[in-house]
């Protein structure tokens, strides 16, 4: 992984990918670079207008790209189920890469369509449900990967299993950190269950460091906090790296050969730099916590995972 950069992405011809939140920022760059190297890529976006604009932009930048838009709102489990059902006609049933990238950050208190706290519901439960619904495709595709995007902010707070929806009091940054710890616990438990099932599907996590995207300004904009928004925009310019730089750990986790299950990849310098193994808080590798969160997530989403190996796995590519 030393010195890994965008030129190290292997040929993705014959492979397929789904990238959530691909209309902008890290998700867009990830989708673009996978498509540039030949992957048939779905941009899973909440907004049709922004999604279509992203597809048009991507095709202009990569004329040979095989990309398509599918609508997905991770804050609505009905939308998640519809997305998974509509994907039935995609690439003959194979799915090599599922990039769980979409997320929200430090929002004012809101709830999802299903009544979950918005950050936990979107960042964790939406992706938990999506991965479970697409699991049969992943298991049928030899060497497939699930990459879930967490954050260095996860280290600010672990998951409170007795208050997953912040009903005892809401603090936007604590809720964000909890949701990002949940992302890592999800990867930890998914990796363990895949290994126990003898599957070649690999679950890993990544984080972008401090990447200057619209993620940081969404909360202040939503509340009309102009001063905070300007401070955040200044910090983005001074401290943040580009979306291209922030996407590198995600692309590395998705495509670098011999990625170990439950790996966590981030910028070498913490906030910026080439991809490298990243620090993670010790609570994100606790087996008891990850299993309890998994059980709670199944109950909340109604999505139970089936790790039964496929009778006829698809032929490997590349």
Protein backbone atom coordinates (compact mmCIF):
# COMPACT_ATOMS: atom_id res chain seq x y z
CA UNK A 1 0.00 0.00 0.00
CA UNK A 2 3.05 2.28 0.39
CA UNK A 3 2.85 5.18 -2.05
CA UNK A 4 -0.48 3.99 -3.44
CA UNK A 5 -2.06 6.47 -5.84
CA UNK A 6 -4.71 6.63 -8.49
CA UNK A 7 -2.40 5.11 -11.11
CA UNK A 8 -2.35 1.88 -9.09
CA UNK A 9 -6.06 1.15 -9.64
CA UNK A 10 -6.15 -2.18 -11.51
CA UNK A 11 -8.13 -2.68 -14.69
CA UNK A 12 -11.81 -3.05 -13.76
CA UNK A 13 -13.07 -4.32 -17.12
CA UNK A 14 -15.82 -6.90 -16.68
CA UNK A 15 -16.50 -5.82 -13.10
CA UNK A 16 -19.55 -4.00 -11.72
CA UNK A 17 -19.89 -1.44 -8.95
CA UNK A 18 -22.53 0.43 -6.99
CA UNK A 19 -21.50 3.72 -5.35
CA UNK A 20 -23.94 5.43 -2.99
CA UNK A 21 -23.96 9.20 -2.79
CA UNK A 22 -22.18 9.39 -6.13
CA UNK A 23 -23.56 12.72 -7.35
CA UNK A 24 -20.78 14.77 -5.72
CA UNK A 25 -17.61 14.76 -3.66
CA UNK A 26 -15.85 11.53 -2.79
CA UNK A 27 -18.65 9.37 -4.18
CA UNK A 28 -18.50 11.04 -7.57
CA UNK A 29 -14.72 10.73 -7.81
CA UNK A 30 -14.90 7.07 -6.76
CA UNK A 31 -17.54 6.28 -9.38
CA UNK A 32 -15.65 8.20 -12.06
CA UNK A 33 -12.34 6.43 -11.47
CA UNK A 34 -13.92 2.98 -11.34
CA UNK A 35 -15.74 3.72 -14.59
CA UNK A 36 -12.56 5.15 -16.13
CA UNK A 37 -10.92 1.77 -15.60
CA UNK A 38 -13.75 -0.18 -17.12
CA UNK A 39 -16.20 -0.98 -14.31
CA UNK A 40 -19.87 -0.91 -15.16
CA UNK A 41 -20.96 1.56 -12.49
CA UNK A 42 -24.25 2.55 -10.87
CA UNK A 43 -24.46 6.01 -9.34
CA UNK A 44 -26.93 5.58 -6.49
CA UNK A 45 -28.25 9.06 -5.71
CA UNK A 46 -31.11 10.55 -3.71
CA UNK A 47 -31.81 13.43 -6.09
CA UNK A 48 -32.68 12.65 -9.70
CA UNK A 49 -31.70 16.16 -10.83
CA UNK A 50 -28.26 16.08 -9.17
CA UNK A 51 -27.79 12.45 -10.16
CA UNK A 52 -28.46 13.11 -13.84
CA UNK A 53 -26.11 16.09 -13.76
CA UNK A 54 -23.40 13.85 -12.27
CA UNK A 55 -23.91 11.19 -14.95
CA UNK A 56 -23.69 13.83 -17.69
CA UNK A 57 -20.52 15.27 -16.14
CA UNK A 58 -18.96 11.84 -15.77
CA UNK A 59 -19.69 10.88 -19.36
CA UNK A 60 -18.14 14.15 -20.50
CA UNK A 61 -14.99 13.44 -18.48
CA UNK A 62 -14.86 9.72 -19.37
CA UNK A 63 -16.55 9.28 -22.76
CA UNK A 64 -16.25 5.49 -22.73
CA UNK A 65 -17.79 5.16 -19.25
CA UNK A 66 -20.54 2.56 -18.76
CA UNK A 67 -22.57 4.30 -16.05
CA UNK A 68 -26.18 4.62 -15.06
CA UNK A 69 -28.24 6.45 -12.45
CA UNK A 70 -30.47 4.66 -9.96
CA UNK A 71 -32.40 6.54 -7.27
CA UNK A 72 -31.69 5.68 -3.64
CA UNK A 73 -32.68 7.48 -0.45
CA UNK A 74 -30.91 5.80 2.45
CA UNK A 75 -33.14 7.67 4.90
CA UNK A 76 -36.15 5.70 3.65
CA UNK A 77 -36.13 1.90 3.86
CA UNK A 78 -38.89 1.72 1.23
CA UNK A 79 -36.51 3.44 -1.18
CA UNK A 80 -33.68 1.08 -0.20
CA UNK A 81 -35.87 -1.95 -0.92
CA UNK A 82 -37.03 -0.46 -4.24
CA UNK A 83 -33.44 0.25 -5.29
CA UNK A 84 -32.37 -3.32 -4.55
CA UNK A 85 -35.36 -4.72 -6.45
CA UNK A 86 -34.74 -2.48 -9.47
CA UNK A 87 -31.12 -3.59 -9.57
CA UNK A 88 -32.25 -7.10 -10.54
CA UNK A 89 -31.53 -6.39 -14.21
CA UNK A 90 -28.03 -5.06 -13.58
CA UNK A 91 -25.02 -6.90 -15.02
CA UNK A 92 -26.40 -10.43 -14.99
CA UNK A 93 -26.63 -10.65 -11.23
CA UNK A 94 -22.99 -9.92 -10.43
CA UNK A 95 -21.79 -7.20 -8.07
CA UNK A 96 -18.05 -6.86 -7.55
CA UNK A 97 -18.01 -3.64 -5.52
CA UNK A 98 -20.52 -2.07 -3.17
CA UNK A 99 -19.23 1.30 -1.99
CA UNK A 100 -21.30 2.46 1.00
CA UNK A 101 -20.24 6.10 0.72
CA UNK A 102 -23.30 8.32 1.15
CA UNK A 103 -23.74 10.06 4.46
CA UNK A 104 -24.82 13.13 6.39
CA UNK A 105 -22.78 15.06 8.95
CA UNK A 106 -23.65 17.02 12.09
CA UNK A 107 -27.21 17.85 11.07
CA UNK A 108 -29.78 19.48 13.33
CA UNK A 109 -32.05 16.90 14.92
CA UNK A 110 -34.08 15.15 12.24
CA UNK A 111 -35.66 11.74 11.76
CA UNK A 112 -35.72 9.43 8.76
CA UNK A 113 -38.91 8.31 7.04
CA UNK A 114 -38.89 5.29 9.37
CA UNK A 115 -38.42 7.34 12.54
CA UNK A 116 -34.70 6.80 13.16
CA UNK A 117 -32.33 9.58 14.17
CA UNK A 118 -31.17 10.91 10.80
CA UNK A 119 -27.41 10.35 11.08
CA UNK A 120 -27.64 6.86 12.56
CA UNK A 121 -30.50 5.99 10.22
CA UNK A 122 -28.78 7.21 7.05
CA UNK A 123 -25.12 6.50 7.71
CA UNK A 124 -25.55 3.09 9.32
CA UNK A 125 -29.03 1.59 9.05
CA UNK A 126 -29.59 2.56 5.42
CA UNK A 127 -26.32 0.95 4.37
CA UNK A 128 -26.91 -2.06 6.64
CA UNK A 129 -30.23 -2.66 4.88
CA UNK A 130 -28.78 -2.05 1.40
CA UNK A 131 -25.88 -4.46 1.94
CA UNK A 132 -28.20 -7.16 3.25
CA UNK A 133 -30.53 -6.82 0.28
CA UNK A 134 -27.61 -7.04 -2.17
CA UNK A 135 -25.76 -9.77 -0.29
CA UNK A 136 -26.79 -12.63 -2.59
CA UNK A 137 -25.27 -10.78 -5.57
CA UNK A 138 -22.05 -10.15 -3.63
CA UNK A 139 -21.78 -13.77 -2.47
CA UNK A 140 -22.31 -14.97 -6.05
CA UNK A 141 -19.43 -12.81 -7.32
CA UNK A 142 -16.00 -14.24 -6.44
CA UNK A 143 -13.69 -11.71 -4.80
CA UNK A 144 -16.38 -9.07 -4.32
CA UNK A 145 -15.91 -6.30 -1.77
CA UNK A 146 -18.05 -4.14 0.48
CA UNK A 147 -16.38 -0.83 1.31
CA UNK A 148 -18.08 1.24 4.01
CA UNK A 149 -16.92 4.83 4.44
CA UNK A 150 -16.40 5.86 8.05
CA UNK A 151 -14.58 8.89 9.46
CA UNK A 152 -11.75 9.78 11.78
CA UNK A 153 -14.44 11.46 13.86
CA UNK A 154 -15.59 7.99 14.93
CA UNK A 155 -13.01 8.23 17.73
CA UNK A 156 -15.08 10.92 19.47
CA UNK A 157 -17.83 8.53 20.57
CA UNK A 158 -18.72 4.86 20.60
CA UNK A 159 -22.16 3.47 19.90
CA UNK A 160 -24.64 3.66 22.77
CA UNK A 161 -26.54 0.40 22.38
CA UNK A 162 -29.16 1.57 24.86
CA UNK A 163 -29.82 4.81 22.99
CA UNK A 164 -29.20 4.19 19.29
CA UNK A 165 -31.60 6.94 18.21
CA UNK A 166 -30.33 9.61 20.64
CA UNK A 167 -33.63 9.77 22.46
CA UNK A 168 -31.92 10.72 25.74
CA UNK A 169 -30.52 13.90 24.26
CA UNK A 170 -29.16 14.94 20.88
CA UNK A 171 -25.76 16.44 20.12
CA UNK A 172 -25.02 16.67 16.43
CA UNK A 173 -21.31 15.81 16.57
CA UNK A 174 -21.75 13.02 19.09
CA UNK A 175 -24.50 11.52 16.92
CA UNK A 176 -22.23 11.76 13.88
CA UNK A 177 -19.35 10.07 15.69
CA UNK A 178 -21.65 7.29 16.89
CA UNK A 179 -22.87 6.67 13.35
CA UNK A 180 -19.29 6.45 12.09
CA UNK A 181 -18.37 4.03 14.90
CA UNK A 182 -21.41 2.03 13.82
CA UNK A 183 -19.97 1.89 10.28
CA UNK A 184 -16.78 0.31 11.62
CA UNK A 185 -18.63 -2.11 13.90
CA UNK A 186 -20.77 -3.14 10.93
CA UNK A 187 -17.67 -3.85 8.85
CA UNK A 188 -16.09 -5.78 11.72
CA UNK A 189 -19.12 -8.03 12.18
CA UNK A 190 -19.76 -8.42 8.44
CA UNK A 191 -16.13 -9.44 7.89
CA UNK A 192 -16.37 -12.00 10.68
CA UNK A 193 -19.60 -13.51 9.34
CA UNK A 194 -18.29 -13.66 5.78
CA UNK A 195 -15.15 -15.44 6.98
CA UNK A 196 -17.19 -17.90 9.04
CA UNK A 197 -19.31 -18.61 5.95
CA UNK A 198 -16.20 -19.35 3.88
CA UNK A 199 -17.05 -16.54 1.47
CA UNK A 200 -14.48 -14.80 -0.74
CA UNK A 201 -16.40 -11.51 -0.31
CA UNK A 202 -14.31 -9.06 1.72
CA UNK A 203 -15.68 -6.31 3.97
CA UNK A 204 -13.42 -3.31 4.61
CA UNK A 205 -13.71 0.33 5.67
CA UNK A 206 -12.09 3.57 4.63
CA UNK A 207 -12.12 7.21 5.58
CA UNK A 208 -11.18 10.28 3.52
CA UNK A 209 -9.41 12.34 6.17
CA UNK A 210 -10.34 16.00 5.87
CA UNK A 211 -11.69 16.29 2.36
CA UNK A 212 -13.26 19.59 1.37
CA UNK A 213 -16.73 18.63 0.15
CA UNK A 214 -20.29 19.86 0.69
CA UNK A 215 -20.71 17.38 3.55
CA UNK A 216 -19.34 19.85 6.11
CA UNK A 217 -21.56 22.76 5.08
CA UNK A 218 -24.88 20.91 4.80
CA UNK A 219 -25.79 21.27 8.49
CA UNK A 220 -25.09 25.03 8.78
CA UNK A 221 -26.92 25.65 5.49
CA UNK A 222 -29.93 23.71 6.73
CA UNK A 223 -30.19 25.90 9.82
CA UNK A 224 -29.28 29.19 8.15
CA UNK A 225 -26.16 29.60 10.32
CA UNK A 226 -24.27 31.82 7.91
CA UNK A 227 -21.33 32.60 10.18
CA UNK A 228 -20.69 28.93 10.93
CA UNK A 229 -21.00 28.12 7.24
CA UNK A 230 -18.38 30.72 6.34
CA UNK A 231 -16.01 29.42 9.04
CA UNK A 232 -16.42 25.87 7.74
CA UNK A 233 -15.82 27.00 4.16
CA UNK A 234 -12.62 28.78 5.27
CA UNK A 235 -11.44 25.67 7.12
CA UNK A 236 -12.14 23.59 4.02
CA UNK A 237 -9.92 25.88 1.95
CA UNK A 238 -7.08 26.02 4.50
CA UNK A 239 -7.08 22.51 5.98
CA UNK A 240 -8.98 20.27 3.61
CA UNK A 241 -7.64 18.22 0.76
CA UNK A 242 -9.50 17.86 -2.51
CA UNK A 243 -12.29 15.36 -3.10
CA UNK A 244 -9.82 13.56 -5.39
CA UNK A 245 -7.43 13.15 -2.46
CA UNK A 246 -10.21 12.09 -0.13
CA UNK A 247 -11.38 9.42 -2.56
CA UNK A 248 -7.97 7.72 -2.69
CA UNK A 249 -8.41 5.65 0.51
CA UNK A 250 -11.83 4.52 -0.70
CA UNK A 251 -10.48 3.52 -4.10
CA UNK A 252 -7.53 1.77 -2.45
CA UNK A 253 -9.82 -0.19 -0.13
CA UNK A 254 -11.97 -1.13 -3.12
CA UNK A 255 -9.30 -2.16 -5.61
CA UNK A 256 -5.88 -2.78 -4.05
CA UNK A 257 -4.96 -6.49 -4.24
CA UNK A 258 -4.89 -8.66 -1.12
CA UNK A 259 -6.93 -6.30 1.09
CA UNK A 260 -7.48 -8.06 4.41
CA UNK A 261 -10.99 -8.42 5.87
CA UNK A 262 -11.91 -5.64 8.32
CA UNK A 263 -9.05 -3.41 7.13
CA UNK A 264 -9.48 0.32 7.76
CA UNK A 265 -7.76 2.58 5.22
CA UNK A 266 -7.25 6.33 5.55
CA UNK A 267 -4.75 9.07 4.68
CA UNK A 268 -1.28 8.38 6.07
CA UNK A 269 -1.24 11.76 7.80
CA UNK A 270 -4.67 11.34 9.35
CA UNK A 271 -6.24 14.29 7.53
CA UNK A 272 -4.38 14.05 4.21
CA UNK A 273 -1.82 11.92 2.44
CA UNK A 274 -1.48 8.63 0.60
CA UNK A 275 -3.69 5.70 1.71
CA UNK A 276 -2.39 3.66 4.64
CA UNK A 277 -3.76 1.53 7.49
CA UNK A 278 -5.65 3.90 9.79
CA UNK A 279 -6.07 4.25 13.53
CA UNK A 280 -9.39 2.97 14.82
CA UNK A 281 -10.82 3.20 18.31
CA UNK A 282 -10.66 -0.09 20.22
CA UNK A 283 -14.43 -0.25 20.68
CA UNK A 284 -14.87 -0.68 16.92
CA UNK A 285 -13.34 -4.16 17.01
CA UNK A 286 -15.21 -5.44 20.04
CA UNK A 287 -17.00 -8.66 19.08
CA UNK A 288 -19.75 -8.36 21.69
CA UNK A 289 -20.61 -4.79 20.70
CA UNK A 290 -20.57 -5.55 16.98
CA UNK A 291 -22.82 -8.56 17.44
CA UNK A 292 -25.30 -6.61 19.58
CA UNK A 293 -25.39 -3.74 17.06
CA UNK A 294 -25.94 -6.27 14.27
CA UNK A 295 -28.89 -7.84 16.10
CA UNK A 296 -30.39 -4.41 16.81
CA UNK A 297 -29.94 -3.40 13.16
CA UNK A 298 -31.75 -6.51 11.94
CA UNK A 299 -34.63 -5.73 14.30
CA UNK A 300 -34.82 -2.05 13.32
CA UNK A 301 -34.58 -2.55 9.54
CA UNK A 302 -36.30 -5.92 9.21
CA UNK A 303 -33.41 -7.08 7.00
CA UNK A 304 -31.93 -10.46 7.94
CA UNK A 305 -28.75 -11.57 6.18
CA UNK A 306 -28.45 -14.98 4.50
CA UNK A 307 -24.85 -16.13 4.13
CA UNK A 308 -25.72 -19.36 2.34
CA UNK A 309 -23.19 -19.83 -0.49
CA UNK A 310 -24.70 -19.58 -3.99
CA UNK A 311 -25.23 -22.88 -5.81
CA UNK A 312 -23.73 -21.47 -9.02
CA UNK A 313 -21.21 -18.67 -8.41
CA UNK A 314 -20.51 -16.39 -11.34
CA UNK A 315 -17.27 -16.69 -13.24
CA UNK A 316 -14.47 -14.40 -12.01
CA UNK A 317 -13.29 -11.55 -14.23
CA UNK A 318 -10.12 -9.54 -14.63
